[in-house]
C-alpha atoms as a PDB file:
ATOM      1  CA  UNK A   1      71.669  12.245 -63.953  1.00  0.00           C
ATOM      2  CA  UNK A   2      71.335   8.438 -63.681  1.00  0.00           C
ATOM      3  CA  UNK A   3      68.096   6.884 -62.508  1.00  0.00           C
ATOM      4  CA  UNK A   4      69.362   6.076 -59.000  1.00  0.00           C
ATOM      5  CA  UNK A   5      70.437   9.645 -58.344  1.00  0.00           C
ATOM      6  CA  UNK A   6      67.202  10.900 -59.863  1.00  0.00           C
ATOM      7  CA  UNK A   7      65.139   8.787 -57.436  1.00  0.00           C
ATOM      8  CA  UNK A   8      67.256   9.860 -54.464  1.00  0.00           C
ATOM      9  CA  UNK A   9      66.867  13.527 -55.424  1.00  0.00           C
ATOM     10  CA  UNK A  10      63.101  13.129 -55.768  1.00  0.00           C
ATOM     11  CA  UNK A  11      62.978  11.463 -52.356  1.00  0.00           C
ATOM     12  CA  UNK A  12      64.839  14.382 -50.766  1.00  0.00           C
ATOM     13  CA  UNK A  13      61.986  16.677 -51.760  1.00  0.00           C
ATOM     14  CA  UNK A  14      59.507  14.492 -49.861  1.00  0.00           C
ATOM     15  CA  UNK A  15      61.294  15.232 -46.562  1.00  0.00           C
ATOM     16  CA  UNK A  16      60.013  11.957 -45.172  1.00  0.00           C
ATOM     17  CA  UNK A  17      60.858   9.508 -42.423  1.00  0.00           C
ATOM     18  CA  UNK A  18      61.601   5.804 -42.857  1.00  0.00           C
ATOM     19  CA  UNK A  19      61.604   3.119 -40.179  1.00  0.00           C
ATOM     20  CA  UNK A  20      64.091   0.251 -40.612  1.00  0.00           C
ATOM     21  CA  UNK A  21      63.099  -2.607 -38.255  1.00  0.00           C
ATOM     22  CA  UNK A  22      66.194  -4.784 -38.670  1.00  0.00           C
ATOM     23  CA  UNK A  23      68.483  -2.579 -36.592  1.00  0.00           C
ATOM     24  CA  UNK A  24      70.763  -5.457 -35.593  1.00  0.00           C
ATOM     25  CA  UNK A  25      72.044  -5.820 -39.165  1.00  0.00           C
ATOM     26  CA  UNK A  26      75.170  -3.868 -40.141  1.00  0.00           C
ATOM     27  CA  UNK A  27      73.860  -3.250 -43.678  1.00  0.00           C
ATOM     28  CA  UNK A  28      70.789  -1.573 -42.209  1.00  0.00           C
ATOM     29  CA  UNK A  29      72.912   0.538 -39.868  1.00  0.00           C
ATOM     30  CA  UNK A  30      75.104   1.622 -42.780  1.00  0.00           C
ATOM     31  CA  UNK A  31      72.019   2.513 -44.832  1.00  0.00           C
ATOM     32  CA  UNK A  32      70.674   4.553 -41.904  1.00  0.00           C
ATOM     33  CA  UNK A  33      73.912   6.519 -41.830  1.00  0.00           C
ATOM     34  CA  UNK A  34      73.884   7.076 -45.604  1.00  0.00           C
ATOM     35  CA  UNK A  35      70.243   8.175 -45.739  1.00  0.00           C
ATOM     36  CA  UNK A  36      70.787  10.618 -42.895  1.00  0.00           C
ATOM     37  CA  UNK A  37      74.127  12.063 -43.973  1.00  0.00           C
ATOM     38  CA  UNK A  38      73.011  12.476 -47.587  1.00  0.00           C
ATOM     39  CA  UNK A  39      69.812  14.223 -46.516  1.00  0.00           C
ATOM     40  CA  UNK A  40      67.563  11.705 -48.264  1.00  0.00           C
ATOM     41  CA  UNK A  41      65.244  11.275 -45.282  1.00  0.00           C
ATOM     42  CA  UNK A  42      65.011  10.901 -41.531  1.00  0.00           C
ATOM     43  CA  UNK A  43      65.555   7.384 -40.188  1.00  0.00           C
ATOM     44  CA  UNK A  44      64.108   5.539 -37.187  1.00  0.00           C
ATOM     45  CA  UNK A  45      65.754   2.388 -35.819  1.00  0.00           C
ATOM     46  CA  UNK A  46      63.660   0.423 -33.289  1.00  0.00           C
ATOM     47  CA  UNK A  47      65.219  -2.068 -30.894  1.00  0.00           C
ATOM     48  CA  UNK A  48      64.757  -3.815 -27.559  1.00  0.00           C
ATOM     49  CA  UNK A  49      68.396  -3.058 -26.817  1.00  0.00           C
ATOM     50  CA  UNK A  50      69.495   0.385 -28.013  1.00  0.00           C
ATOM     51  CA  UNK A  51      72.919   0.040 -26.374  1.00  0.00           C
ATOM     52  CA  UNK A  52      73.563  -3.084 -28.475  1.00  0.00           C
ATOM     53  CA  UNK A  53      72.647  -1.175 -31.644  1.00  0.00           C
ATOM     54  CA  UNK A  54      75.076   1.597 -30.734  1.00  0.00           C
ATOM     55  CA  UNK A  55      77.793  -0.951 -29.960  1.00  0.00           C
ATOM     56  CA  UNK A  56      77.295  -2.772 -33.287  1.00  0.00           C
ATOM     57  CA  UNK A  57      77.471   0.536 -35.137  1.00  0.00           C
ATOM     58  CA  UNK A  58      80.615   1.622 -33.335  1.00  0.00           C
ATOM     59  CA  UNK A  59      82.297  -1.721 -33.995  1.00  0.00           C
ATOM     60  CA  UNK A  60      81.510  -1.375 -37.711  1.00  0.00           C
ATOM     61  CA  UNK A  61      82.676   2.256 -37.803  1.00  0.00           C
ATOM     62  CA  UNK A  62      79.165   3.526 -38.520  1.00  0.00           C
ATOM     63  CA  UNK A  63      78.089   6.980 -37.392  1.00  0.00           C
ATOM     64  CA  UNK A  64      74.472   7.127 -36.217  1.00  0.00           C
ATOM     65  CA  UNK A  65      74.428  10.840 -35.437  1.00  0.00           C
ATOM     66  CA  UNK A  66      71.036  12.181 -36.516  1.00  0.00           C
ATOM     67  CA  UNK A  67      69.443   8.718 -36.606  1.00  0.00           C
ATOM     68  CA  UNK A  68      66.514   8.290 -34.209  1.00  0.00           C
ATOM     69  CA  UNK A  69      66.931   5.227 -31.982  1.00  0.00           C
ATOM     70  CA  UNK A  70      63.769   4.146 -30.189  1.00  0.00           C
ATOM     71  CA  UNK A  71      63.024   1.339 -27.752  1.00  0.00           C
ATOM     72  CA  UNK A  72      60.197  -0.929 -28.854  1.00  0.00           C
ATOM     73  CA  UNK A  73      57.282   0.156 -26.701  1.00  0.00           C
ATOM     74  CA  UNK A  74      53.520   0.005 -27.360  1.00  0.00           C
ATOM     75  CA  UNK A  75      53.188   3.408 -25.694  1.00  0.00           C
ATOM     76  CA  UNK A  76      54.662   4.907 -28.889  1.00  0.00           C
ATOM     77  CA  UNK A  77      51.795   3.525 -30.959  1.00  0.00           C
ATOM     78  CA  UNK A  78      48.290   4.879 -31.446  1.00  0.00           C
ATOM     79  CA  UNK A  79      45.853   3.153 -29.079  1.00  0.00           C
ATOM     80  CA  UNK A  80      43.020   3.074 -31.611  1.00  0.00           C
ATOM     81  CA  UNK A  81      45.218   1.359 -34.214  1.00  0.00           C
ATOM     82  CA  UNK A  82      46.296  -1.207 -31.641  1.00  0.00           C
ATOM     83  CA  UNK A  83      42.654  -1.916 -30.735  1.00  0.00           C
ATOM     84  CA  UNK A  84      41.742  -2.359 -34.394  1.00  0.00           C
ATOM     85  CA  UNK A  85      44.666  -4.760 -34.849  1.00  0.00           C
ATOM     86  CA  UNK A  86      43.751  -6.816 -31.763  1.00  0.00           C
ATOM     87  CA  UNK A  87      40.090  -6.996 -32.846  1.00  0.00           C
ATOM     88  CA  UNK A  88      41.052  -8.109 -36.345  1.00  0.00           C
ATOM     89  CA  UNK A  89      43.347 -10.826 -34.985  1.00  0.00           C
ATOM     90  CA  UNK A  90      40.617 -11.958 -32.553  1.00  0.00           C
ATOM     91  CA  UNK A  91      38.299 -12.567 -35.500  1.00  0.00           C
ATOM     92  CA  UNK A  92      40.958 -14.958 -36.819  1.00  0.00           C
ATOM     93  CA  UNK A  93      41.058 -16.861 -33.529  1.00  0.00           C
ATOM     94  CA  UNK A  94      44.005 -15.157 -31.820  1.00  0.00           C
ATOM     95  CA  UNK A  95      43.595 -14.097 -28.200  1.00  0.00           C
ATOM     96  CA  UNK A  96      44.366 -10.466 -27.261  1.00  0.00           C
ATOM     97  CA  UNK A  97      47.576 -11.304 -25.396  1.00  0.00           C
ATOM     98  CA  UNK A  98      49.000 -13.136 -28.415  1.00  0.00           C
ATOM     99  CA  UNK A  99      48.090 -10.213 -30.672  1.00  0.00           C
ATOM    100  CA  UNK A 100      49.729  -7.683 -28.379  1.00  0.00           C
ATOM    101  CA  UNK A 101      52.841  -9.869 -28.157  1.00  0.00           C
ATOM    102  CA  UNK A 102      53.160  -9.666 -31.952  1.00  0.00           C
ATOM    103  CA  UNK A 103      53.754  -5.934 -31.567  1.00  0.00           C
ATOM    104  CA  UNK A 104      56.956  -6.711 -29.662  1.00  0.00           C
ATOM    105  CA  UNK A 105      58.342  -8.089 -32.914  1.00  0.00           C
ATOM    106  CA  UNK A 106      60.391  -5.321 -34.618  1.00  0.00           C
ATOM    107  CA  UNK A 107      58.663  -5.803 -37.984  1.00  0.00           C
ATOM    108  CA  UNK A 108      55.129  -5.753 -36.559  1.00  0.00           C
ATOM    109  CA  UNK A 109      56.026  -2.866 -34.261  1.00  0.00           C
ATOM    110  CA  UNK A 110      57.482  -0.887 -37.170  1.00  0.00           C
ATOM    111  CA  UNK A 111      54.438  -1.455 -39.361  1.00  0.00           C
ATOM    112  CA  UNK A 112      52.196  -0.281 -36.524  1.00  0.00           C
ATOM    113  CA  UNK A 113      54.488   2.723 -36.041  1.00  0.00           C
ATOM    114  CA  UNK A 114      53.840   3.502 -39.713  1.00  0.00           C
ATOM    115  CA  UNK A 115      50.090   2.859 -39.304  1.00  0.00           C
ATOM    116  CA  UNK A 116      50.120   5.218 -36.312  1.00  0.00           C
ATOM    117  CA  UNK A 117      51.342   8.030 -38.550  1.00  0.00           C
ATOM    118  CA  UNK A 118      54.769   8.301 -36.905  1.00  0.00           C
ATOM    119  CA  UNK A 119      56.699   7.785 -40.166  1.00  0.00           C
ATOM    120  CA  UNK A 120      56.128   7.591 -43.925  1.00  0.00           C
ATOM    121  CA  UNK A 121      57.488   4.177 -44.931  1.00  0.00           C
ATOM    122  CA  UNK A 122      58.784   0.877 -43.570  1.00  0.00           C
ATOM    123  CA  UNK A 123      61.617  -0.997 -45.275  1.00  0.00           C
ATOM    124  CA  UNK A 124      62.613  -4.510 -44.177  1.00  0.00           C
ATOM    125  CA  UNK A 125      63.524  -7.928 -45.530  1.00  0.00           C
ATOM    126  CA  UNK A 126      67.313  -7.847 -45.238  1.00  0.00           C
ATOM    127  CA  UNK A 127      66.894 -10.446 -42.468  1.00  0.00           C
ATOM    128  CA  UNK A 128      63.163 -11.246 -42.473  1.00  0.00           C
ATOM    129  CA  UNK A 129      61.605 -13.707 -44.935  1.00  0.00           C
ATOM    130  CA  UNK A 130      59.355 -12.219 -47.623  1.00  0.00           C
ATOM    131  CA  UNK A 131      56.421 -14.289 -46.356  1.00  0.00           C
ATOM    132  CA  UNK A 132      56.807 -12.785 -42.875  1.00  0.00           C
ATOM    133  CA  UNK A 133      57.089  -9.250 -44.255  1.00  0.00           C
ATOM    134  CA  UNK A 134      53.927  -9.714 -46.320  1.00  0.00           C
ATOM    135  CA  UNK A 135      52.045 -11.313 -43.451  1.00  0.00           C
ATOM    136  CA  UNK A 136      52.879  -8.413 -41.138  1.00  0.00           C
ATOM    137  CA  UNK A 137      51.976  -5.905 -43.859  1.00  0.00           C
ATOM    138  CA  UNK A 138      48.585  -7.459 -44.522  1.00  0.00           C
ATOM    139  CA  UNK A 139      47.755  -7.877 -40.820  1.00  0.00           C
ATOM    140  CA  UNK A 140      48.858  -4.408 -39.729  1.00  0.00           C
ATOM    141  CA  UNK A 141      48.689  -2.075 -42.736  1.00  0.00           C
ATOM    142  CA  UNK A 142      46.029  -3.745 -44.880  1.00  0.00           C
ATOM    143  CA  UNK A 143      45.458  -3.448 -48.617  1.00  0.00           C
ATOM    144  CA  UNK A 144      45.077  -0.272 -50.651  1.00  0.00           C
ATOM    145  CA  UNK A 145      41.609   0.917 -51.626  1.00  0.00           C
ATOM    146  CA  UNK A 146      40.305  -0.943 -54.653  1.00  0.00           C
ATOM    147  CA  UNK A 147      43.146  -3.501 -54.570  1.00  0.00           C
ATOM    148  CA  UNK A 148      42.619  -7.057 -53.358  1.00  0.00           C
ATOM    149  CA  UNK A 149      45.934  -8.605 -54.381  1.00  0.00           C
ATOM    150  CA  UNK A 150      49.307  -7.751 -52.853  1.00  0.00           C
ATOM    151  CA  UNK A 151      52.055  -8.022 -55.449  1.00  0.00           C
ATOM    152  CA  UNK A 152      55.579  -6.870 -56.212  1.00  0.00           C
ATOM    153  CA  UNK A 153      57.569  -5.222 -58.935  1.00  0.00           C
ATOM    154  CA  UNK A 154      61.213  -4.887 -59.886  1.00  0.00           C
ATOM    155  CA  UNK A 155      62.849  -1.692 -61.054  1.00  0.00           C
ATOM    156  CA  UNK A 156      65.052  -2.916 -63.897  1.00  0.00           C
ATOM    157  CA  UNK A 157      67.947  -0.562 -64.661  1.00  0.00           C
ATOM    158  CA  UNK A 158      69.727  -1.278 -67.968  1.00  0.00           C
ATOM    159  CA  UNK A 159      73.503  -1.102 -68.327  1.00  0.00           C
ATOM    160  CA  UNK A 160      74.961   1.817 -70.232  1.00  0.00           C
ATOM    161  CA  UNK A 161      74.779   1.536 -74.020  1.00  0.00           C
ATOM    162  CA  UNK A 162      72.305  -1.355 -73.923  1.00  0.00           C
ATOM    163  CA  UNK A 163      71.258  -2.156 -77.495  1.00  0.00           C
ATOM    164  CA  UNK A 164      67.523  -2.193 -76.766  1.00  0.00           C
ATOM    165  CA  UNK A 165      66.673  -0.589 -73.405  1.00  0.00           C
ATOM    166  CA  UNK A 166      67.611   3.072 -73.066  1.00  0.00           C
ATOM    167  CA  UNK A 167      65.584   3.774 -69.911  1.00  0.00           C
ATOM    168  CA  UNK A 168      64.608   1.873 -66.775  1.00  0.00           C
ATOM    169  CA  UNK A 169      61.512  -0.337 -66.913  1.00  0.00           C
ATOM    170  CA  UNK A 170      59.300  -2.187 -64.423  1.00  0.00           C
ATOM    171  CA  UNK A 171      58.677  -5.958 -64.270  1.00  0.00           C
ATOM    172  CA  UNK A 172      55.691  -7.386 -62.331  1.00  0.00           C
ATOM    173  CA  UNK A 173      54.857  -9.648 -60.583  1.00  0.00           C
ATOM    174  CA  UNK A 174      58.169 -11.453 -60.153  1.00  0.00           C
ATOM    175  CA  UNK A 175      58.171 -12.198 -56.447  1.00  0.00           C
ATOM    176  CA  UNK A 176      54.797 -12.891 -54.822  1.00  0.00           C
ATOM    177  CA  UNK A 177      51.871 -14.468 -56.716  1.00  0.00           C
ATOM    178  CA  UNK A 178      52.408 -17.912 -58.283  1.00  0.00           C
ATOM    179  CA  UNK A 179      49.407 -17.955 -60.626  1.00  0.00           C
ATOM    180  CA  UNK A 180      47.254 -14.808 -60.587  1.00  0.00           C
ATOM    181  CA  UNK A 181      44.000 -14.918 -62.529  1.00  0.00           C
ATOM    182  CA  UNK A 182      42.582 -12.082 -64.641  1.00  0.00           C
ATOM    183  CA  UNK A 183      41.422  -9.901 -61.727  1.00  0.00           C
ATOM    184  CA  UNK A 184      44.729 -10.487 -59.990  1.00  0.00           C
ATOM    185  CA  UNK A 185      46.698  -9.478 -63.086  1.00  0.00           C
ATOM    186  CA  UNK A 186      44.523  -6.379 -63.294  1.00  0.00           C
ATOM    187  CA  UNK A 187      45.440  -5.417 -59.690  1.00  0.00           C
ATOM    188  CA  UNK A 188      49.122  -6.096 -60.403  1.00  0.00           C
ATOM    189  CA  UNK A 189      49.041  -3.872 -63.488  1.00  0.00           C
ATOM    190  CA  UNK A 190      47.143  -1.022 -61.801  1.00  0.00           C
ATOM    191  CA  UNK A 191      49.549  -1.010 -58.848  1.00  0.00           C
ATOM    192  CA  UNK A 192      52.579  -1.126 -61.130  1.00  0.00           C
ATOM    193  CA  UNK A 193      51.330   1.672 -63.374  1.00  0.00           C
ATOM    194  CA  UNK A 194      50.721   3.847 -60.317  1.00  0.00           C
ATOM    195  CA  UNK A 195      54.254   3.282 -59.078  1.00  0.00           C
ATOM    196  CA  UNK A 196      55.718   3.895 -62.526  1.00  0.00           C
ATOM    197  CA  UNK A 197      54.032   7.295 -62.603  1.00  0.00           C
ATOM    198  CA  UNK A 198      55.478   8.183 -59.197  1.00  0.00           C
ATOM    199  CA  UNK A 199      58.973   7.042 -60.125  1.00  0.00           C
ATOM    200  CA  UNK A 200      59.002   8.580 -63.601  1.00  0.00           C
ATOM    201  CA  UNK A 201      56.715  11.610 -63.617  1.00  0.00           C
ATOM    202  CA  UNK A 202      56.006  12.761 -67.153  1.00  0.00           C
ATOM    203  CA  UNK A 203      56.960   9.499 -68.882  1.00  0.00           C
ATOM    204  CA  UNK A 204      54.314   7.867 -71.049  1.00  0.00           C
ATOM    205  CA  UNK A 205      53.023   4.557 -69.704  1.00  0.00           C
ATOM    206  CA  UNK A 206      53.232   1.646 -72.146  1.00  0.00           C
ATOM    207  CA  UNK A 207      52.175  -1.506 -70.326  1.00  0.00           C
ATOM    208  CA  UNK A 208      52.461  -4.878 -72.056  1.00  0.00           C
ATOM    209  CA  UNK A 209      50.765  -8.068 -70.876  1.00  0.00           C
ATOM    210  CA  UNK A 210      53.299 -10.691 -71.903  1.00  0.00           C
ATOM    211  CA  UNK A 211      52.577 -14.084 -73.413  1.00  0.00           C
ATOM    212  CA  UNK A 212      53.837 -16.706 -75.853  1.00  0.00           C
ATOM    213  CA  UNK A 213      51.312 -15.293 -78.333  1.00  0.00           C
ATOM    214  CA  UNK A 214      50.785 -11.896 -79.946  1.00  0.00           C
ATOM    215  CA  UNK A 215      47.254 -10.678 -80.662  1.00  0.00           C
ATOM    216  CA  UNK A 216      45.763 -14.125 -81.188  1.00  0.00           C
ATOM    217  CA  UNK A 217      48.670 -15.719 -83.057  1.00  0.00           C
ATOM    218  CA  UNK A 218      48.092 -18.795 -80.878  1.00  0.00           C
ATOM    219  CA  UNK A 219      44.936 -20.268 -79.393  1.00  0.00           C
ATOM    220  CA  UNK A 220      45.092 -21.678 -75.875  1.00  0.00           C
ATOM    221  CA  UNK A 221      43.036 -21.433 -72.684  1.00  0.00           C
ATOM    222  CA  UNK A 222      46.142 -20.162 -70.869  1.00  0.00           C
ATOM    223  CA  UNK A 223      45.845 -16.943 -72.889  1.00  0.00           C
ATOM    224  CA  UNK A 224      42.308 -16.135 -71.765  1.00  0.00           C
ATOM    225  CA  UNK A 225      43.287 -14.624 -68.424  1.00  0.00           C
ATOM    226  CA  UNK A 226      45.931 -12.431 -70.111  1.00  0.00           C
ATOM    227  CA  UNK A 227      43.606 -10.941 -72.705  1.00  0.00           C
ATOM    228  CA  UNK A 228      40.833 -10.537 -70.131  1.00  0.00           C
ATOM    229  CA  UNK A 229      43.196  -8.744 -67.731  1.00  0.00           C
ATOM    230  CA  UNK A 230      44.414  -6.424 -70.486  1.00  0.00           C
ATOM    231  CA  UNK A 231      40.837  -5.457 -71.296  1.00  0.00           C
ATOM    232  CA  UNK A 232      40.036  -4.848 -67.619  1.00  0.00           C
ATOM    233  CA  UNK A 233      42.992  -2.494 -67.277  1.00  0.00           C
ATOM    234  CA  UNK A 234      42.132  -0.688 -70.521  1.00  0.00           C
ATOM    235  CA  UNK A 235      38.666  -0.079 -69.143  1.00  0.00           C
ATOM    236  CA  UNK A 236      40.080   1.077 -65.789  1.00  0.00           C
ATOM    237  CA  UNK A 237      42.170   3.771 -67.497  1.00  0.00           C
ATOM    238  CA  UNK A 238      39.677   4.606 -70.230  1.00  0.00           C
ATOM    239  CA  UNK A 239      39.847   8.281 -71.157  1.00  0.00           C
ATOM    240  CA  UNK A 240      43.123   8.918 -69.364  1.00  0.00           C
ATOM    241  CA  UNK A 241      45.911  10.318 -71.521  1.00  0.00           C
ATOM    242  CA  UNK A 242      49.470   9.015 -71.432  1.00  0.00           C
ATOM    243  CA  UNK A 243      48.516   5.471 -70.400  1.00  0.00           C
ATOM    244  CA  UNK A 244      48.608   2.784 -73.079  1.00  0.00           C
ATOM    245  CA  UNK A 245      47.758  -0.880 -72.410  1.00  0.00           C
ATOM    246  CA  UNK A 246      48.033  -3.851 -74.735  1.00  0.00           C
ATOM    247  CA  UNK A 247      48.166  -7.617 -74.654  1.00  0.00           C
ATOM    248  CA  UNK A 248      48.676 -10.326 -75.273  1.00  0.00           C
ATOM    249  CA  UNK A 249      52.161  -9.524 -76.633  1.00  0.00           C
ATOM    250  CA  UNK A 250      55.270 -11.615 -77.038  1.00  0.00           C
ATOM    251  CA  UNK A 251      58.358 -10.040 -75.526  1.00  0.00           C
ATOM    252  CA  UNK A 252      59.997  -9.268 -78.855  1.00  0.00           C
ATOM    253  CA  UNK A 253      56.817  -7.594 -80.115  1.00  0.00           C
ATOM    254  CA  UNK A 254      56.697  -5.538 -76.924  1.00  0.00           C
ATOM    255  CA  UNK A 255      60.263  -4.195 -77.143  1.00  0.00           C
ATOM    256  CA  UNK A 256      61.415  -4.289 -80.768  1.00  0.00           C
ATOM    257  CA  UNK A 257      59.708  -1.640 -82.974  1.00  0.00           C
ATOM    258  CA  UNK A 258      60.258  -3.579 -86.197  1.00  0.00           C
ATOM    259  CA  UNK A 259      58.763  -6.749 -84.691  1.00  0.00           C
ATOM    260  CA  UNK A 260      55.902  -4.826 -83.064  1.00  0.00           C
ATOM    261  CA  UNK A 261      54.890  -3.283 -86.387  1.00  0.00           C
ATOM    262  CA  UNK A 262      54.674  -6.714 -88.012  1.00  0.00           C
ATOM    263  CA  UNK A 263      52.996  -8.632 -85.201  1.00  0.00           C
ATOM    264  CA  UNK A 264      50.802  -5.913 -83.684  1.00  0.00           C
ATOM    265  CA  UNK A 265      50.233  -3.164 -86.270  1.00  0.00           C
ATOM    266  CA  UNK A 266      48.448  -0.180 -84.801  1.00  0.00           C
ATOM    267  CA  UNK A 267      49.394  -0.998 -81.216  1.00  0.00           C
ATOM    268  CA  UNK A 268      50.453   1.989 -79.102  1.00  0.00           C
ATOM    269  CA  UNK A 269      52.509  -0.311 -76.854  1.00  0.00           C
ATOM    270  CA  UNK A 270      54.229  -2.727 -79.226  1.00  0.00           C
ATOM    271  CA  UNK A 271      57.889  -1.902 -79.720  1.00  0.00           C
ATOM    272  CA  UNK A 272      58.073   0.595 -76.849  1.00  0.00           C
ATOM    273  CA  UNK A 273      56.807  -1.135 -73.711  1.00  0.00           C
ATOM    274  CA  UNK A 274      58.203   0.099 -70.405  1.00  0.00           C
ATOM    275  CA  UNK A 275      56.010  -1.929 -68.017  1.00  0.00           C
ATOM    276  CA  UNK A 276      55.945  -5.713 -68.393  1.00  0.00           C
ATOM    277  CA  UNK A 277      53.167  -7.725 -66.748  1.00  0.00           C
ATOM    278  CA  UNK A 278      54.095 -11.413 -66.600  1.00  0.00           C
ATOM    279  CA  UNK A 279      51.354 -14.064 -66.672  1.00  0.00           C
ATOM    280  CA  UNK A 280      52.646 -15.938 -63.625  1.00  0.00           C
ATOM    281  CA  UNK A 281      55.493 -16.167 -61.136  1.00  0.00           C
ATOM    282  CA  UNK A 282      57.398 -18.758 -63.158  1.00  0.00           C
ATOM    283  CA  UNK A 283      57.671 -16.400 -66.115  1.00  0.00           C
ATOM    284  CA  UNK A 284      58.286 -13.302 -63.981  1.00  0.00           C
ATOM    285  CA  UNK A 285      60.991 -14.780 -61.801  1.00  0.00           C
ATOM    286  CA  UNK A 286      62.792 -16.364 -64.752  1.00  0.00           C
ATOM    287  CA  UNK A 287      62.434 -13.178 -66.787  1.00  0.00           C
ATOM    288  CA  UNK A 288      63.933 -10.761 -64.282  1.00  0.00           C
ATOM    289  CA  UNK A 289      66.811 -13.111 -63.447  1.00  0.00           C
ATOM    290  CA  UNK A 290      67.636 -13.616 -67.131  1.00  0.00           C
ATOM    291  CA  UNK A 291      67.616  -9.852 -67.663  1.00  0.00           C
ATOM    292  CA  UNK A 292      69.834  -9.431 -64.611  1.00  0.00           C
ATOM    293  CA  UNK A 293      72.357 -12.212 -65.292  1.00  0.00           C
ATOM    294  CA  UNK A 294      72.447 -12.340 -69.084  1.00  0.00           C
ATOM    295  CA  UNK A 295      71.340  -8.804 -69.936  1.00  0.00           C
ATOM    296  CA  UNK A 296      73.339  -6.934 -67.326  1.00  0.00           C
ATOM    297  CA  UNK A 297      70.321  -5.153 -65.824  1.00  0.00           C
ATOM    298  CA  UNK A 298      70.352  -4.170 -62.174  1.00  0.00           C
ATOM    299  CA  UNK A 299      67.221  -5.546 -60.523  1.00  0.00           C
ATOM    300  CA  UNK A 300      65.949  -3.493 -57.578  1.00  0.00           C
ATOM    301  CA  UNK A 301      63.312  -5.358 -55.604  1.00  0.00           C
ATOM    302  CA  UNK A 302      61.055  -7.106 -55.031  1.00  0.00           C
ATOM    303  CA  UNK A 303      59.236  -3.896 -54.102  1.00  0.00           C
ATOM    304  CA  UNK A 304      55.897  -4.599 -52.469  1.00  0.00           C
ATOM    305  CA  UNK A 305      52.783  -2.910 -53.832  1.00  0.00           C
ATOM    306  CA  UNK A 306      49.086  -3.039 -53.092  1.00  0.00           C
ATOM    307  CA  UNK A 307      49.326  -2.268 -49.369  1.00  0.00           C
ATOM    308  CA  UNK A 308      47.575   0.788 -47.957  1.00  0.00           C
ATOM    309  CA  UNK A 309      50.891   2.348 -46.874  1.00  0.00           C
ATOM    310  CA  UNK A 310      54.463   2.184 -48.252  1.00  0.00           C
ATOM    311  CA  UNK A 311      56.108  -1.050 -47.114  1.00  0.00           C
ATOM    312  CA  UNK A 312      59.031  -2.612 -48.928  1.00  0.00           C
ATOM    313  CA  UNK A 313      60.525  -6.051 -48.913  1.00  0.00           C
ATOM    314  CA  UNK A 314      64.241  -6.497 -49.573  1.00  0.00           C
ATOM    315  CA  UNK A 315      66.313  -9.332 -50.930  1.00  0.00           C
ATOM    316  CA  UNK A 316      68.221 -10.981 -48.093  1.00  0.00           C
ATOM    317  CA  UNK A 317      71.300 -10.549 -50.271  1.00  0.00           C
ATOM    318  CA  UNK A 318      70.849  -6.777 -50.407  1.00  0.00           C
ATOM    319  CA  UNK A 319      73.514  -4.232 -49.542  1.00  0.00           C
ATOM    320  CA  UNK A 320      73.319  -0.792 -47.923  1.00  0.00           C
ATOM    321  CA  UNK A 321      72.913   0.938 -51.302  1.00  0.00           C
ATOM    322  CA  UNK A 322      69.923  -1.288 -52.099  1.00  0.00           C
ATOM    323  CA  UNK A 323      68.308  -0.400 -48.762  1.00  0.00           C
ATOM    324  CA  UNK A 324      68.833   3.314 -49.432  1.00  0.00           C
ATOM    325  CA  UNK A 325      67.288   3.103 -52.887  1.00  0.00           C
ATOM    326  CA  UNK A 326      64.344   1.015 -51.663  1.00  0.00           C
ATOM    327  CA  UNK A 327      63.749   3.584 -48.909  1.00  0.00           C
ATOM    328  CA  UNK A 328      63.746   6.409 -51.445  1.00  0.00           C
ATOM    329  CA  UNK A 329      61.340   4.529 -53.712  1.00  0.00           C
ATOM    330  CA  UNK A 330      58.956   3.890 -50.820  1.00  0.00           C
ATOM    331  CA  UNK A 331      58.949   7.579 -49.943  1.00  0.00           C
ATOM    332  CA  UNK A 332      57.850   8.366 -53.479  1.00  0.00           C
ATOM    333  CA  UNK A 333      54.884   6.004 -52.989  1.00  0.00           C
ATOM    334  CA  UNK A 334      53.512   7.770 -49.906  1.00  0.00           C
END
């Protein structure tokens, strides 16, 4: 079974419900049909104009039988959660009416629907900018316990018969934080490791903090945050089996066993890394796009992590299959 089918099958067992805010988009409507018909999960589509959603679906030949269509209405949300949201916005200088008006926005409404316990995940970004998705997520959902930095990861799926990669790996952070410092890199790594374990239960974690240097082969202040972050994460997982952390490591030392043995002898990660923590957004964004365009990997993401509840961003160039897979991944994070 390929990794996509494996994730979809795992998601089926969750028996969850996903809300897709961007119900005016045909790709989202198609994904809603696919998720429902394939039994992956239940789907909620919110809208101010349900008749328009039905008309768009009919025009595109999309069957929404079994999909729950709801009109955006604050009465569907939990009063206490709304009060907490309004109070939090007031502390930032927003008056109550402005805060309540935000909940008319499909993305904000959907996140509050999730916060109210009415569904298990929210997936958006096919139309909405990443910055707006993150802003809504932080304002409505908040950050996960013990995590201060919201970040993202990419599920990188290698092509068949790839010479080096035989299984899918995770890249982080390739979509959110321009220049995280040591504590930020620690949060990114902890979030990514947690998601790796949910996506690939039973697989050993081998997380590499990437750099232009391996184990002190170069001396530069830019390396300090990488080595410090690696030590923080090692300490965080101290005593836990099946989780190996190392850094700083060059990419070849992280993935090629023969190089790893020479450059980092004794490392449990070198030569077999399956999680790659990039030092900054320049490196991460370049790295995943090179793997995608030159290496033939399929890049699924950016998938948001570090929020208190499962919320996913999507590439605005995504298709219905991408939305389905992102929905399944979010359900595994609940």
